[in-house]
Amino acid sequence: MRVDIYRRAEHDGVFSYLAVSEGKPIPQEATSTDWESEARALEIDETAVALPNYHIALPLEQIAAKGYAITALKDMTASRHPSH
């Protein structure tokens, strides 16, 4: 499956990330914040239990349930840009 990744700054250089199926818009309930494009058409394994670079657990389950997958709040303090 391919996804588009978006990010938003939280505080102190910490980012949260949002993944949606490639080419799909960000769902209405997640559009109230300013998301920046981070990666387009990122290929993820259909059996992936996490996207560790983006601190997203169970990405496919989250996308199936609500149309997007998002960084878990408990991971926010460790969530830095993947290149850092």
PDB file of N, CA and C in Angstrom:
ATOM      1  N   MET A   1       0.847  -1.174   0.000  1.00  0.00           N
ATOM      2  CA  MET A   1       0.000   0.000   0.000  1.00  0.00           C
ATOM      3  C   MET A   1       0.895   1.240   0.000  1.00  0.00           C
ATOM      4  N   ARG A   2       0.426   2.266  -0.673  1.00  0.00           N
ATOM      5  CA  ARG A   2       1.162   3.527  -0.674  1.00  0.00           C
ATOM      6  C   ARG A   2       0.366   4.575   0.088  1.00  0.00           C
ATOM      7  N   VAL A   3       1.101   5.384   0.837  1.00  0.00           N
ATOM      8  CA  VAL A   3       0.479   6.436   1.639  1.00  0.00           C
ATOM      9  C   VAL A   3       1.192   7.762   1.406  1.00  0.00           C
ATOM     10  N   ASP A   4       0.467   8.828   1.679  1.00  0.00           N
ATOM     11  CA  ASP A   4       1.042  10.159   1.723  1.00  0.00           C
ATOM     12  C   ASP A   4       1.174  10.513   3.200  1.00  0.00           C
ATOM     13  N   ILE A   5       2.319  11.091   3.556  1.00  0.00           N
ATOM     14  CA  ILE A   5       2.593  11.456   4.947  1.00  0.00           C
ATOM     15  C   ILE A   5       2.599  12.973   5.066  1.00  0.00           C
ATOM     16  N   TYR A   6       1.962  13.450   6.121  1.00  0.00           N
ATOM     17  CA  TYR A   6       1.943  14.871   6.447  1.00  0.00           C
ATOM     18  C   TYR A   6       2.504  15.038   7.849  1.00  0.00           C
ATOM     19  N   ARG A   7       3.013  16.239   8.143  1.00  0.00           N
ATOM     20  CA  ARG A   7       3.513  16.495   9.493  1.00  0.00           C
ATOM     21  C   ARG A   7       3.039  17.854   9.961  1.00  0.00           C
ATOM     22  N   ARG A   8       3.056  18.016  11.290  1.00  0.00           N
ATOM     23  CA  ARG A   8       2.766  19.324  11.882  1.00  0.00           C
ATOM     24  C   ARG A   8       3.695  19.505  13.075  1.00  0.00           C
ATOM     25  N   ALA A   9       4.134  20.717  13.254  1.00  0.00           N
ATOM     26  CA  ALA A   9       5.004  21.033  14.387  1.00  0.00           C
ATOM     27  C   ALA A   9       4.160  21.070  15.656  1.00  0.00           C
ATOM     28  N   GLU A  10       4.698  20.503  16.710  1.00  0.00           N
ATOM     29  CA  GLU A  10       4.016  20.526  18.006  1.00  0.00           C
ATOM     30  C   GLU A  10       4.716  21.512  18.945  1.00  0.00           C
ATOM     31  N   HIS A  11       5.918  21.188  19.391  1.00  0.00           N
ATOM     32  CA  HIS A  11       6.699  22.061  20.274  1.00  0.00           C
ATOM     33  C   HIS A  11       8.137  21.553  20.331  1.00  0.00           C
ATOM     34  N   ASP A  12       9.064  22.428  20.591  1.00  0.00           N
ATOM     35  CA  ASP A  12      10.474  22.066  20.772  1.00  0.00           C
ATOM     36  C   ASP A  12      11.022  21.149  19.677  1.00  0.00           C
ATOM     37  N   GLY A  13      10.665  21.396  18.434  1.00  0.00           N
ATOM     38  CA  GLY A  13      11.164  20.575  17.336  1.00  0.00           C
ATOM     39  C   GLY A  13      10.510  19.215  17.210  1.00  0.00           C
ATOM     40  N   VAL A  14       9.422  18.996  17.947  1.00  0.00           N
ATOM     41  CA  VAL A  14       8.689  17.732  17.912  1.00  0.00           C
ATOM     42  C   VAL A  14       7.606  17.829  16.842  1.00  0.00           C
ATOM     43  N   PHE A  15       7.427  16.743  16.092  1.00  0.00           N
ATOM     44  CA  PHE A  15       6.410  16.702  15.047  1.00  0.00           C
ATOM     45  C   PHE A  15       5.456  15.541  15.292  1.00  0.00           C
ATOM     46  N   SER A  16       4.215  15.718  14.883  1.00  0.00           N
ATOM     47  CA  SER A  16       3.292  14.597  14.786  1.00  0.00           C
ATOM     48  C   SER A  16       3.087  14.350  13.302  1.00  0.00           C
ATOM     49  N   TYR A  17       2.718  13.122  12.960  1.00  0.00           N
ATOM     50  CA  TYR A  17       2.591  12.718  11.565  1.00  0.00           C
ATOM     51  C   TYR A  17       1.226  12.112  11.307  1.00  0.00           C
ATOM     52  N   LEU A  18       0.759  12.284  10.074  1.00  0.00           N
ATOM     53  CA  LEU A  18      -0.523  11.781   9.639  1.00  0.00           C
ATOM     54  C   LEU A  18      -0.300  11.047   8.322  1.00  0.00           C
ATOM     55  N   ALA A  19      -0.839   9.851   8.198  1.00  0.00           N
ATOM     56  CA  ALA A  19      -0.726   9.075   6.965  1.00  0.00           C
ATOM     57  C   ALA A  19      -2.118   8.835   6.405  1.00  0.00           C
ATOM     58  N   VAL A  20      -2.266   9.051   5.092  1.00  0.00           N
ATOM     59  CA  VAL A  20      -3.514   8.757   4.395  1.00  0.00           C
ATOM     60  C   VAL A  20      -3.170   7.954   3.149  1.00  0.00           C
ATOM     61  N   SER A  21      -4.111   7.194   2.656  1.00  0.00           N
ATOM     62  CA  SER A  21      -3.884   6.445   1.418  1.00  0.00           C
ATOM     63  C   SER A  21      -3.463   7.419   0.320  1.00  0.00           C
ATOM     64  N   GLU A  22      -2.552   6.976  -0.515  1.00  0.00           N
ATOM     65  CA  GLU A  22      -2.007   7.824  -1.579  1.00  0.00           C
ATOM     66  C   GLU A  22      -3.122   8.500  -2.372  1.00  0.00           C
ATOM     67  N   GLY A  23      -2.979   9.821  -2.531  1.00  0.00           N
ATOM     68  CA  GLY A  23      -3.916  10.588  -3.338  1.00  0.00           C
ATOM     69  C   GLY A  23      -5.219  10.958  -2.663  1.00  0.00           C
ATOM     70  N   LYS A  24      -5.463  10.445  -1.463  1.00  0.00           N
ATOM     71  CA  LYS A  24      -6.707  10.751  -0.738  1.00  0.00           C
ATOM     72  C   LYS A  24      -6.543  12.054   0.038  1.00  0.00           C
ATOM     73  N   PRO A  25      -7.614  12.805   0.184  1.00  0.00           N
ATOM     74  CA  PRO A  25      -7.523  14.027   0.995  1.00  0.00           C
ATOM     75  C   PRO A  25      -7.459  13.676   2.483  1.00  0.00           C
ATOM     76  N   ILE A  26      -6.974  14.614   3.261  1.00  0.00           N
ATOM     77  CA  ILE A  26      -6.986  14.441   4.715  1.00  0.00           C
ATOM     78  C   ILE A  26      -8.457  14.471   5.147  1.00  0.00           C
ATOM     79  N   PRO A  27      -8.904  13.478   5.913  1.00  0.00           N
ATOM     80  CA  PRO A  27     -10.309  13.457   6.348  1.00  0.00           C
ATOM     81  C   PRO A  27     -10.711  14.727   7.120  1.00  0.00           C
ATOM     82  N   GLN A  28     -11.966  15.077   6.995  1.00  0.00           N
ATOM     83  CA  GLN A  28     -12.525  16.299   7.577  1.00  0.00           C
ATOM     84  C   GLN A  28     -12.133  16.494   9.044  1.00  0.00           C
ATOM     85  N   GLU A  29     -12.223  15.456   9.857  1.00  0.00           N
ATOM     86  CA  GLU A  29     -11.953  15.630  11.291  1.00  0.00           C
ATOM     87  C   GLU A  29     -10.490  15.920  11.595  1.00  0.00           C
ATOM     88  N   ALA A  30      -9.610  15.736  10.607  1.00  0.00           N
ATOM     89  CA  ALA A  30      -8.180  15.989  10.823  1.00  0.00           C
ATOM     90  C   ALA A  30      -7.701  17.242  10.087  1.00  0.00           C
ATOM     91  N   THR A  31      -8.597  17.992   9.483  1.00  0.00           N
ATOM     92  CA  THR A  31      -8.172  19.153   8.693  1.00  0.00           C
ATOM     93  C   THR A  31      -8.113  20.449   9.494  1.00  0.00           C
ATOM     94  N   SER A  32      -8.403  20.403  10.771  1.00  0.00           N
ATOM     95  CA  SER A  32      -8.435  21.627  11.568  1.00  0.00           C
ATOM     96  C   SER A  32      -7.037  22.124  11.940  1.00  0.00           C
ATOM     97  N   THR A  33      -6.013  21.393  11.576  1.00  0.00           N
ATOM     98  CA  THR A  33      -4.647  21.826  11.860  1.00  0.00           C
ATOM     99  C   THR A  33      -3.876  21.981  10.557  1.00  0.00           C
ATOM    100  N   ASP A  34      -2.768  22.659  10.639  1.00  0.00           N
ATOM    101  CA  ASP A  34      -1.959  22.926   9.459  1.00  0.00           C
ATOM    102  C   ASP A  34      -0.965  21.794   9.209  1.00  0.00           C
ATOM    103  N   TRP A  35      -1.320  20.884   8.333  1.00  0.00           N
ATOM    104  CA  TRP A  35      -0.451  19.773   7.965  1.00  0.00           C
ATOM    105  C   TRP A  35       0.392  20.160   6.764  1.00  0.00           C
ATOM    106  N   GLU A  36       1.682  19.829   6.806  1.00  0.00           N
ATOM    107  CA  GLU A  36       2.591  20.048   5.690  1.00  0.00           C
ATOM    108  C   GLU A  36       2.909  18.708   5.058  1.00  0.00           C
ATOM    109  N   SER A  37       3.070  18.697   3.752  1.00  0.00           N
ATOM    110  CA  SER A  37       3.429  17.456   3.074  1.00  0.00           C
ATOM    111  C   SER A  37       4.832  17.033   3.495  1.00  0.00           C
ATOM    112  N   GLU A  38       4.988  15.778   3.852  1.00  0.00           N
ATOM    113  CA  GLU A  38       6.279  15.214   4.280  1.00  0.00           C
ATOM    114  C   GLU A  38       6.802  14.211   3.255  1.00  0.00           C
ATOM    115  N   ALA A  39       5.941  13.316   2.784  1.00  0.00           N
ATOM    116  CA  ALA A  39       6.348  12.288   1.813  1.00  0.00           C
ATOM    117  C   ALA A  39       5.133  11.888   0.994  1.00  0.00           C
ATOM    118  N   ARG A  40       5.356  11.658  -0.277  1.00  0.00           N
ATOM    119  CA  ARG A  40       4.276  11.234  -1.168  1.00  0.00           C
ATOM    120  C   ARG A  40       4.542   9.825  -1.653  1.00  0.00           C
ATOM    121  N   ALA A  41       3.484   9.052  -1.788  1.00  0.00           N
ATOM    122  CA  ALA A  41       3.545   7.695  -2.342  1.00  0.00           C
ATOM    123  C   ALA A  41       4.578   6.818  -1.642  1.00  0.00           C
ATOM    124  N   LEU A  42       4.613   6.905  -0.319  1.00  0.00           N
ATOM    125  CA  LEU A  42       5.510   6.069   0.473  1.00  0.00           C
ATOM    126  C   LEU A  42       4.957   4.648   0.487  1.00  0.00           C
ATOM    127  N   GLU A  43       5.742   3.710   0.037  1.00  0.00           N
ATOM    128  CA  GLU A  43       5.319   2.302   0.003  1.00  0.00           C
ATOM    129  C   GLU A  43       5.480   1.707   1.392  1.00  0.00           C
ATOM    130  N   ILE A  44       4.396   1.145   1.922  1.00  0.00           N
ATOM    131  CA  ILE A  44       4.496   0.450   3.209  1.00  0.00           C
ATOM    132  C   ILE A  44       4.036  -0.989   3.023  1.00  0.00           C
ATOM    133  N   ASP A  45       4.659  -1.852   3.762  1.00  0.00           N
ATOM    134  CA  ASP A  45       4.356  -3.279   3.720  1.00  0.00           C
ATOM    135  C   ASP A  45       2.944  -3.500   4.262  1.00  0.00           C
ATOM    136  N   GLU A  46       2.186  -4.337   3.586  1.00  0.00           N
ATOM    137  CA  GLU A  46       0.808  -4.637   4.010  1.00  0.00           C
ATOM    138  C   GLU A  46       0.758  -5.284   5.403  1.00  0.00           C
ATOM    139  N   THR A  47       1.882  -5.812   5.882  1.00  0.00           N
ATOM    140  CA  THR A  47       1.916  -6.448   7.197  1.00  0.00           C
ATOM    141  C   THR A  47       2.555  -5.542   8.253  1.00  0.00           C
ATOM    142  N   ALA A  48       2.844  -4.291   7.893  1.00  0.00           N
ATOM    143  CA  ALA A  48       3.506  -3.367   8.826  1.00  0.00           C
ATOM    144  C   ALA A  48       2.653  -3.142  10.071  1.00  0.00           C
ATOM    145  N   VAL A  49       3.272  -3.290  11.217  1.00  0.00           N
ATOM    146  CA  VAL A  49       2.573  -3.018  12.481  1.00  0.00           C
ATOM    147  C   VAL A  49       2.885  -1.609  12.979  1.00  0.00           C
ATOM    148  N   ALA A  50       3.844  -0.947  12.314  1.00  0.00           N
ATOM    149  CA  ALA A  50       4.197   0.416  12.701  1.00  0.00           C
ATOM    150  C   ALA A  50       4.976   1.087  11.577  1.00  0.00           C
ATOM    151  N   LEU A  51       4.960   2.403  11.611  1.00  0.00           N
ATOM    152  CA  LEU A  51       5.843   3.221  10.782  1.00  0.00           C
ATOM    153  C   LEU A  51       6.751   3.941  11.771  1.00  0.00           C
ATOM    154  N   PRO A  52       7.836   3.284  12.193  1.00  0.00           N
ATOM    155  CA  PRO A  52       8.655   3.815  13.279  1.00  0.00           C
ATOM    156  C   PRO A  52       9.246   5.199  13.009  1.00  0.00           C
ATOM    157  N   ASN A  53       9.580   5.514  11.772  1.00  0.00           N
ATOM    158  CA  ASN A  53      10.134   6.835  11.482  1.00  0.00           C
ATOM    159  C   ASN A  53       9.137   7.954  11.742  1.00  0.00           C
ATOM    160  N   TYR A  54       7.857   7.597  11.760  1.00  0.00           N
ATOM    161  CA  TYR A  54       6.801   8.584  11.963  1.00  0.00           C
ATOM    162  C   TYR A  54       6.017   8.334  13.254  1.00  0.00           C
ATOM    163  N   HIS A  55       6.455   7.378  14.053  1.00  0.00           N
ATOM    164  CA  HIS A  55       5.823   7.057  15.343  1.00  0.00           C
ATOM    165  C   HIS A  55       4.332   6.756  15.191  1.00  0.00           C
ATOM    166  N   ILE A  56       4.010   6.030  14.116  1.00  0.00           N
ATOM    167  CA  ILE A  56       2.622   5.642  13.871  1.00  0.00           C
ATOM    168  C   ILE A  56       2.497   4.136  14.081  1.00  0.00           C
ATOM    169  N   ALA A  57       1.674   3.747  15.036  1.00  0.00           N
ATOM    170  CA  ALA A  57       1.416   2.334  15.311  1.00  0.00           C
ATOM    171  C   ALA A  57       0.188   1.877  14.526  1.00  0.00           C
ATOM    172  N   LEU A  58       0.219   0.638  14.067  1.00  0.00           N
ATOM    173  CA  LEU A  58      -0.900   0.011  13.363  1.00  0.00           C
ATOM    174  C   LEU A  58      -1.461   0.897  12.236  1.00  0.00           C
ATOM    175  N   PRO A  59      -0.613   1.318  11.310  1.00  0.00           N
ATOM    176  CA  PRO A  59      -1.069   2.260  10.280  1.00  0.00           C
ATOM    177  C   PRO A  59      -2.222   1.746   9.423  1.00  0.00           C
ATOM    178  N   LEU A  60      -2.170   0.500   8.986  1.00  0.00           N
ATOM    179  CA  LEU A  60      -3.236  -0.005   8.120  1.00  0.00           C
ATOM    180  C   LEU A  60      -4.551  -0.147   8.874  1.00  0.00           C
ATOM    181  N   GLU A  61      -4.478  -0.563  10.130  1.00  0.00           N
ATOM    182  CA  GLU A  61      -5.694  -0.671  10.945  1.00  0.00           C
ATOM    183  C   GLU A  61      -6.314   0.707  11.185  1.00  0.00           C
ATOM    184  N   GLN A  62      -5.467   1.698  11.476  1.00  0.00           N
ATOM    185  CA  GLN A  62      -5.981   3.057  11.691  1.00  0.00           C
ATOM    186  C   GLN A  62      -6.623   3.605  10.418  1.00  0.00           C
ATOM    187  N   ILE A  63      -5.956   3.420   9.277  1.00  0.00           N
ATOM    188  CA  ILE A  63      -6.483   3.920   8.004  1.00  0.00           C
ATOM    189  C   ILE A  63      -7.812   3.247   7.678  1.00  0.00           C
ATOM    190  N   ALA A  64      -7.891   1.939   7.900  1.00  0.00           N
ATOM    191  CA  ALA A  64      -9.142   1.220   7.635  1.00  0.00           C
ATOM    192  C   ALA A  64     -10.278   1.712   8.534  1.00  0.00           C
ATOM    193  N   ALA A  65      -9.949   2.019   9.779  1.00  0.00           N
ATOM    194  CA  ALA A  65     -10.970   2.415  10.745  1.00  0.00           C
ATOM    195  C   ALA A  65     -11.438   3.861  10.590  1.00  0.00           C
ATOM    196  N   LYS A  66     -10.507   4.773  10.299  1.00  0.00           N
ATOM    197  CA  LYS A  66     -10.898   6.178  10.293  1.00  0.00           C
ATOM    198  C   LYS A  66     -10.420   6.977   9.085  1.00  0.00           C
ATOM    199  N   GLY A  67      -9.728   6.337   8.154  1.00  0.00           N
ATOM    200  CA  GLY A  67      -9.295   7.025   6.937  1.00  0.00           C
ATOM    201  C   GLY A  67      -7.920   7.654   7.027  1.00  0.00           C
ATOM    202  N   TYR A  68      -7.323   7.591   8.193  1.00  0.00           N
ATOM    203  CA  TYR A  68      -5.973   8.111   8.387  1.00  0.00           C
ATOM    204  C   TYR A  68      -5.329   7.412   9.572  1.00  0.00           C
ATOM    205  N   ALA A  69      -4.005   7.530   9.650  1.00  0.00           N
ATOM    206  CA  ALA A  69      -3.257   7.022  10.800  1.00  0.00           C
ATOM    207  C   ALA A  69      -2.457   8.198  11.336  1.00  0.00           C
ATOM    208  N   ILE A  70      -2.321   8.264  12.644  1.00  0.00           N
ATOM    209  CA  ILE A  70      -1.677   9.432  13.246  1.00  0.00           C
ATOM    210  C   ILE A  70      -0.714   9.003  14.347  1.00  0.00           C
ATOM    211  N   THR A  71       0.289   9.828  14.583  1.00  0.00           N
ATOM    212  CA  THR A  71       1.241   9.612  15.661  1.00  0.00           C
ATOM    213  C   THR A  71       0.480   9.495  16.981  1.00  0.00           C
ATOM    214  N   ALA A  72       0.867   8.515  17.783  1.00  0.00           N
ATOM    215  CA  ALA A  72       0.235   8.337  19.094  1.00  0.00           C
ATOM    216  C   ALA A  72       0.698   9.438  20.044  1.00  0.00           C
ATOM    217  N   LEU A  73      -0.207   9.957  20.850  1.00  0.00           N
ATOM    218  CA  LEU A  73       0.141  11.016  21.798  1.00  0.00           C
ATOM    219  C   LEU A  73       1.279  10.603  22.717  1.00  0.00           C
ATOM    220  N   LYS A  74       1.318   9.349  23.124  1.00  0.00           N
ATOM    221  CA  LYS A  74       2.376   8.895  24.023  1.00  0.00           C
ATOM    222  C   LYS A  74       3.746   8.952  23.369  1.00  0.00           C
ATOM    223  N   ASP A  75       3.792   8.981  22.038  1.00  0.00           N
ATOM    224  CA  ASP A  75       5.063   9.028  21.321  1.00  0.00           C
ATOM    225  C   ASP A  75       5.494  10.451  20.970  1.00  0.00           C
ATOM    226  N   MET A  76       4.701  11.432  21.342  1.00  0.00           N
ATOM    227  CA  MET A  76       4.992  12.798  20.929  1.00  0.00           C
ATOM    228  C   MET A  76       6.355  13.301  21.391  1.00  0.00           C
ATOM    229  N   THR A  77       6.793  12.957  22.573  1.00  0.00           N
ATOM    230  CA  THR A  77       8.076  13.472  23.055  1.00  0.00           C
ATOM    231  C   THR A  77       9.247  12.903  22.269  1.00  0.00           C
ATOM    232  N   ALA A  78       9.067  11.758  21.651  1.00  0.00           N
ATOM    233  CA  ALA A  78      10.140  11.139  20.877  1.00  0.00           C
ATOM    234  C   ALA A  78      10.004  11.405  19.390  1.00  0.00           C
ATOM    235  N   SER A  79       8.944  12.064  18.995  1.00  0.00           N
ATOM    236  CA  SER A  79       8.650  12.250  17.571  1.00  0.00           C
ATOM    237  C   SER A  79       9.462  13.395  17.000  1.00  0.00           C
ATOM    238  N   ARG A  80      10.489  13.054  16.308  1.00  0.00           N
ATOM    239  CA  ARG A  80      11.331  14.038  15.623  1.00  0.00           C
ATOM    240  C   ARG A  80      11.333  13.706  14.143  1.00  0.00           C
ATOM    241  N   HIS A  81      11.725  14.647  13.325  1.00  0.00           N
ATOM    242  CA  HIS A  81      11.801  14.416  11.884  1.00  0.00           C
ATOM    243  C   HIS A  81      12.687  13.217  11.618  1.00  0.00           C
ATOM    244  N   PRO A  82      12.320  12.322  10.690  1.00  0.00           N
ATOM    245  CA  PRO A  82      13.083  11.099  10.434  1.00  0.00           C
ATOM    246  C   PRO A  82      14.552  11.330  10.100  1.00  0.00           C
ATOM    247  N   SER A  83      14.907  12.484   9.600  1.00  0.00           N
ATOM    248  CA  SER A  83      16.308  12.703   9.245  1.00  0.00           C
ATOM    249  C   SER A  83      17.140  13.162  10.436  1.00  0.00           C
ATOM    250  N   HIS A  84      16.509  13.382  11.599  1.00  0.00           N
ATOM    251  CA  HIS A  84      17.254  13.828  12.786  1.00  0.00           C
ATOM    252  C   HIS A  84      17.711  12.688  13.620  1.00  0.00           C
TER     253      HIS A  84
END
